[in-house]
Amino acid sequence: MTKTCVYLIGDHVDACKIGIASNVKNRLGQMRTHNIASLSIFGTWWFGTGNEARQVERYLHAALRKHRVRGEWFRIKPDDALELIDRLIVDGGITPLKTFRRRQPSKATPKKIFFLRLVCPGCGHKSRSDLTAKEIWRSRFKCSACGSAVLGRQVLKAVSSA
């Protein structure tokens, strides 16, 4: 008898995957390898057996079918999906062994926004990006001035706040 969880992994924008795993951190690592988006675990609901988790997963997939894109992927904001799943679990009389929900940032403290200055190594054209340094590092860019394609790590120069 292996504990298994139903997980909600999302991209911070509007795509979520609802699936099952006994090791959700390994599953997240596998998904990050094959996905261009920055993914995070938004919630887990643990059950005593894989069969229990599979039944809950099917129940959630059926309840969210109008948001389904393909397979286990749904077009819904992760926060909205969390609220909906929590409500479905309570309404369905489901009792997980343990539950994890990603903590939301406090609304009382304003979030500081940092912009990264990008400089084209070909022509020196400067631009700004609100992507994270990690996202820029992994990406490819096309300079709007000269049209040359460069790797993100080549254009990342300095950090300044706005």
C-alpha atoms as a PDB file:
ATOM      1  CA  MET A   1       0.000   0.000   0.000  1.00  0.00           C
ATOM      2  CA  THR A   2       1.702   3.167  -1.261  1.00  0.00           C
ATOM      3  CA  LYS A   3       0.471   6.617  -0.377  1.00  0.00           C
ATOM      4  CA  THR A   4      -0.435   8.465  -3.561  1.00  0.00           C
ATOM      5  CA  CYS A   5      -1.444  12.041  -4.124  1.00  0.00           C
ATOM      6  CA  VAL A   6      -3.604  13.915  -6.548  1.00  0.00           C
ATOM      7  CA  TYR A   7      -1.579  16.956  -7.582  1.00  0.00           C
ATOM      8  CA  LEU A   8      -2.249  20.296  -9.209  1.00  0.00           C
ATOM      9  CA  ILE A   9       0.748  21.561 -11.149  1.00  0.00           C
ATOM     10  CA  GLY A  10       0.444  24.822 -13.057  1.00  0.00           C
ATOM     11  CA  ASP A  11       2.280  27.472 -15.008  1.00  0.00           C
ATOM     12  CA  HIS A  12       1.304  30.578 -12.942  1.00  0.00           C
ATOM     13  CA  VAL A  13      -0.873  31.862 -15.812  1.00  0.00           C
ATOM     14  CA  ASP A  14      -3.739  29.698 -17.032  1.00  0.00           C
ATOM     15  CA  ALA A  15      -2.652  26.090 -17.567  1.00  0.00           C
ATOM     16  CA  CYS A  16      -2.921  23.316 -14.967  1.00  0.00           C
ATOM     17  CA  LYS A  17      -2.387  19.591 -14.872  1.00  0.00           C
ATOM     18  CA  ILE A  18      -4.282  17.361 -12.503  1.00  0.00           C
ATOM     19  CA  GLY A  19      -2.684  13.962 -12.073  1.00  0.00           C
ATOM     20  CA  ILE A  20      -1.547  11.379  -9.531  1.00  0.00           C
ATOM     21  CA  ALA A  21       1.906  10.463  -8.262  1.00  0.00           C
ATOM     22  CA  SER A  22       3.528   8.838  -5.251  1.00  0.00           C
ATOM     23  CA  ASN A  23       6.487  11.247  -5.549  1.00  0.00           C
ATOM     24  CA  VAL A  24       5.162  14.588  -6.748  1.00  0.00           C
ATOM     25  CA  LYS A  25       8.561  16.361  -6.665  1.00  0.00           C
ATOM     26  CA  ASN A  26       9.998  13.787  -9.093  1.00  0.00           C
ATOM     27  CA  ARG A  27       6.908  14.173 -11.270  1.00  0.00           C
ATOM     28  CA  LEU A  28       7.391  17.960 -11.336  1.00  0.00           C
ATOM     29  CA  GLY A  29      11.019  17.451 -12.372  1.00  0.00           C
ATOM     30  CA  GLN A  30       9.955  15.170 -15.241  1.00  0.00           C
ATOM     31  CA  MET A  31       7.379  17.708 -16.404  1.00  0.00           C
ATOM     32  CA  ARG A  32       9.863  20.599 -16.259  1.00  0.00           C
ATOM     33  CA  THR A  33      12.193  18.652 -18.536  1.00  0.00           C
ATOM     34  CA  HIS A  34       9.538  18.514 -21.261  1.00  0.00           C
ATOM     35  CA  ASN A  35       7.803  21.863 -20.752  1.00  0.00           C
ATOM     36  CA  ILE A  36       8.860  25.356 -21.768  1.00  0.00           C
ATOM     37  CA  ALA A  37       6.748  27.072 -19.076  1.00  0.00           C
ATOM     38  CA  SER A  38       7.839  27.610 -15.485  1.00  0.00           C
ATOM     39  CA  LEU A  39       5.838  25.019 -13.523  1.00  0.00           C
ATOM     40  CA  SER A  40       5.094  24.798  -9.796  1.00  0.00           C
ATOM     41  CA  ILE A  41       3.131  22.559  -7.468  1.00  0.00           C
ATOM     42  CA  PHE A  42      -0.004  24.423  -6.378  1.00  0.00           C
ATOM     43  CA  GLY A  43      -1.669  21.686  -4.363  1.00  0.00           C
ATOM     44  CA  THR A  44      -1.526  18.047  -3.317  1.00  0.00           C
ATOM     45  CA  TRP A  45      -4.147  15.836  -1.721  1.00  0.00           C
ATOM     46  CA  TRP A  46      -2.738  12.591  -0.267  1.00  0.00           C
ATOM     47  CA  PHE A  47      -4.599   9.271  -0.121  1.00  0.00           C
ATOM     48  CA  GLY A  48      -3.811   5.853   1.376  1.00  0.00           C
ATOM     49  CA  THR A  49      -3.868   3.956  -1.918  1.00  0.00           C
ATOM     50  CA  GLY A  50      -3.387   4.578  -5.619  1.00  0.00           C
ATOM     51  CA  ASN A  51      -6.967   3.438  -6.276  1.00  0.00           C
ATOM     52  CA  GLU A  52      -8.401   6.126  -3.993  1.00  0.00           C
ATOM     53  CA  ALA A  53      -6.244   8.796  -5.653  1.00  0.00           C
ATOM     54  CA  ARG A  54      -7.221   7.541  -9.132  1.00  0.00           C
ATOM     55  CA  GLN A  55     -10.933   7.760  -8.273  1.00  0.00           C
ATOM     56  CA  VAL A  56     -10.537  11.334  -6.985  1.00  0.00           C
ATOM     57  CA  GLU A  57      -8.493  12.258 -10.072  1.00  0.00           C
ATOM     58  CA  ARG A  58     -11.262  10.942 -12.369  1.00  0.00           C
ATOM     59  CA  TYR A  59     -13.872  12.811 -10.343  1.00  0.00           C
ATOM     60  CA  LEU A  60     -11.918  16.083 -10.663  1.00  0.00           C
ATOM     61  CA  HIS A  61     -11.290  15.544 -14.402  1.00  0.00           C
ATOM     62  CA  ALA A  62     -15.024  15.013 -14.970  1.00  0.00           C
ATOM     63  CA  ALA A  63     -15.940  18.086 -12.909  1.00  0.00           C
ATOM     64  CA  LEU A  64     -13.453  20.289 -14.797  1.00  0.00           C
ATOM     65  CA  ARG A  65     -14.172  18.867 -18.284  1.00  0.00           C
ATOM     66  CA  LYS A  66     -15.331  22.242 -19.660  1.00  0.00           C
ATOM     67  CA  HIS A  67     -11.789  23.582 -18.987  1.00  0.00           C
ATOM     68  CA  ARG A  68      -9.988  20.573 -20.526  1.00  0.00           C
ATOM     69  CA  VAL A  69      -7.409  21.305 -23.224  1.00  0.00           C
ATOM     70  CA  ARG A  70      -5.987  17.819 -23.724  1.00  0.00           C
ATOM     71  CA  GLY A  71      -5.511  14.780 -21.517  1.00  0.00           C
ATOM     72  CA  GLU A  72      -4.891  15.926 -17.950  1.00  0.00           C
ATOM     73  CA  TRP A  73      -4.257  19.583 -18.918  1.00  0.00           C
ATOM     74  CA  PHE A  74      -6.846  22.267 -18.203  1.00  0.00           C
ATOM     75  CA  ARG A  75      -7.110  25.931 -19.227  1.00  0.00           C
ATOM     76  CA  ILE A  76      -7.827  27.520 -15.842  1.00  0.00           C
ATOM     77  CA  LYS A  77      -5.825  29.745 -13.494  1.00  0.00           C
ATOM     78  CA  PRO A  78      -4.108  27.659 -10.788  1.00  0.00           C
ATOM     79  CA  ASP A  79      -5.681  29.731  -7.972  1.00  0.00           C
ATOM     80  CA  ASP A  80      -9.162  29.253  -9.463  1.00  0.00           C
ATOM     81  CA  ALA A  81      -8.482  25.535  -9.902  1.00  0.00           C
ATOM     82  CA  LEU A  82      -7.383  25.246  -6.247  1.00  0.00           C
ATOM     83  CA  GLU A  83     -10.585  26.849  -4.989  1.00  0.00           C
ATOM     84  CA  LEU A  84     -12.700  24.686  -7.268  1.00  0.00           C
ATOM     85  CA  ILE A  85     -10.887  21.460  -6.304  1.00  0.00           C
ATOM     86  CA  ASP A  86     -11.146  22.231  -2.576  1.00  0.00           C
ATOM     87  CA  ARG A  87     -14.883  22.850  -2.986  1.00  0.00           C
ATOM     88  CA  LEU A  88     -15.317  19.647  -5.030  1.00  0.00           C
ATOM     89  CA  ILE A  89     -13.447  17.594  -2.421  1.00  0.00           C
ATOM     90  CA  VAL A  90     -15.625  18.955   0.403  1.00  0.00           C
ATOM     91  CA  ASP A  91     -18.855  18.588  -1.623  1.00  0.00           C
ATOM     92  CA  GLY A  92     -17.899  15.036  -2.638  1.00  0.00           C
ATOM     93  CA  GLY A  93     -17.310  13.995   0.984  1.00  0.00           C
ATOM     94  CA  ILE A  94     -13.690  13.113   0.198  1.00  0.00           C
ATOM     95  CA  THR A  95     -11.247  13.030   3.116  1.00  0.00           C
ATOM     96  CA  PRO A  96      -7.582  13.148   2.120  1.00  0.00           C
ATOM     97  CA  LEU A  97      -4.945  11.994   4.636  1.00  0.00           C
ATOM     98  CA  LYS A  98      -3.026  15.238   4.170  1.00  0.00           C
ATOM     99  CA  THR A  99      -3.428  18.388   2.063  1.00  0.00           C
ATOM    100  CA  PHE A 100      -0.890  20.919   0.803  1.00  0.00           C
ATOM    101  CA  ARG A 101      -1.767  24.294  -0.714  1.00  0.00           C
ATOM    102  CA  ARG A 102       0.807  26.690  -2.040  1.00  0.00           C
ATOM    103  CA  ARG A 103       0.864  29.829   0.073  1.00  0.00           C
ATOM    104  CA  GLN A 104      -0.367  32.896  -1.764  1.00  0.00           C
ATOM    105  CA  PRO A 105       1.607  36.136  -1.479  1.00  0.00           C
ATOM    106  CA  SER A 106       0.191  38.605   1.015  1.00  0.00           C
ATOM    107  CA  LYS A 107      -2.050  41.186  -0.603  1.00  0.00           C
ATOM    108  CA  ALA A 108      -1.187  43.727   2.111  1.00  0.00           C
ATOM    109  CA  THR A 109       2.437  44.028   1.012  1.00  0.00           C
ATOM    110  CA  PRO A 110       2.846  45.470  -2.484  1.00  0.00           C
ATOM    111  CA  LYS A 111       5.025  43.346  -4.709  1.00  0.00           C
ATOM    112  CA  LYS A 112       8.161  45.053  -6.008  1.00  0.00           C
ATOM    113  CA  ILE A 113       8.550  44.658  -9.731  1.00  0.00           C
ATOM    114  CA  PHE A 114      12.025  44.305 -11.146  1.00  0.00           C
ATOM    115  CA  PHE A 115      12.839  44.799 -14.789  1.00  0.00           C
ATOM    116  CA  LEU A 116      15.851  43.263 -16.468  1.00  0.00           C
ATOM    117  CA  ARG A 117      17.768  45.285 -19.014  1.00  0.00           C
ATOM    118  CA  LEU A 118      18.572  43.294 -22.148  1.00  0.00           C
ATOM    119  CA  VAL A 119      21.339  44.358 -24.532  1.00  0.00           C
ATOM    120  CA  CYS A 120      21.772  42.833 -28.008  1.00  0.00           C
ATOM    121  CA  PRO A 121      25.413  41.733 -28.422  1.00  0.00           C
ATOM    122  CA  GLY A 122      25.195  42.399 -32.185  1.00  0.00           C
ATOM    123  CA  CYS A 123      23.994  45.997 -32.357  1.00  0.00           C
ATOM    124  CA  GLY A 124      23.869  47.144 -28.715  1.00  0.00           C
ATOM    125  CA  HIS A 125      20.088  47.763 -28.836  1.00  0.00           C
ATOM    126  CA  LYS A 126      18.662  47.969 -25.294  1.00  0.00           C
ATOM    127  CA  SER A 127      15.268  46.730 -24.156  1.00  0.00           C
ATOM    128  CA  ARG A 128      13.513  45.818 -20.910  1.00  0.00           C
ATOM    129  CA  SER A 129      11.868  42.597 -19.801  1.00  0.00           C
ATOM    130  CA  ASP A 130       9.686  41.709 -16.837  1.00  0.00           C
ATOM    131  CA  LEU A 131      10.559  38.016 -17.189  1.00  0.00           C
ATOM    132  CA  THR A 132      12.605  36.466 -14.400  1.00  0.00           C
ATOM    133  CA  ALA A 133      16.334  36.088 -14.925  1.00  0.00           C
ATOM    134  CA  LYS A 134      15.873  32.299 -14.973  1.00  0.00           C
ATOM    135  CA  GLU A 135      13.255  32.551 -17.760  1.00  0.00           C
ATOM    136  CA  ILE A 136      15.476  34.874 -19.786  1.00  0.00           C
ATOM    137  CA  TRP A 137      18.516  32.627 -19.296  1.00  0.00           C
ATOM    138  CA  ARG A 138      16.608  29.667 -20.806  1.00  0.00           C
ATOM    139  CA  SER A 139      15.049  31.595 -23.707  1.00  0.00           C
ATOM    140  CA  ARG A 140      16.040  32.771 -27.178  1.00  0.00           C
ATOM    141  CA  PHE A 141      15.382  36.321 -28.310  1.00  0.00           C
ATOM    142  CA  LYS A 142      15.208  38.139 -31.606  1.00  0.00           C
ATOM    143  CA  CYS A 143      16.503  41.715 -31.535  1.00  0.00           C
ATOM    144  CA  SER A 144      13.835  44.143 -32.741  1.00  0.00           C
ATOM    145  CA  ALA A 145      16.510  46.479 -34.141  1.00  0.00           C
ATOM    146  CA  CYS A 146      18.876  44.219 -36.093  1.00  0.00           C
ATOM    147  CA  GLY A 147      16.859  40.967 -36.240  1.00  0.00           C
ATOM    148  CA  SER A 148      19.662  38.741 -34.906  1.00  0.00           C
ATOM    149  CA  ALA A 149      18.645  35.735 -32.779  1.00  0.00           C
ATOM    150  CA  VAL A 150      20.564  35.345 -29.518  1.00  0.00           C
ATOM    151  CA  LEU A 151      20.421  33.187 -26.394  1.00  0.00           C
ATOM    152  CA  GLY A 152      18.980  34.741 -23.245  1.00  0.00           C
ATOM    153  CA  ARG A 153      22.256  34.380 -21.353  1.00  0.00           C
ATOM    154  CA  GLN A 154      23.902  36.579 -24.010  1.00  0.00           C
ATOM    155  CA  VAL A 155      21.454  39.471 -23.576  1.00  0.00           C
ATOM    156  CA  LEU A 156      21.110  39.476 -19.778  1.00  0.00           C
ATOM    157  CA  LYS A 157      23.125  42.439 -18.483  1.00  0.00           C
ATOM    158  CA  ALA A 158      21.829  44.262 -15.408  1.00  0.00           C
ATOM    159  CA  VAL A 159      18.965  44.434 -12.953  1.00  0.00           C
ATOM    160  CA  SER A 160      17.194  47.661 -12.079  1.00  0.00           C
ATOM    161  CA  SER A 161      13.950  48.350 -10.242  1.00  0.00           C
ATOM    162  CA  ALA A 162      11.098  50.348 -11.651  1.00  0.00           C
END
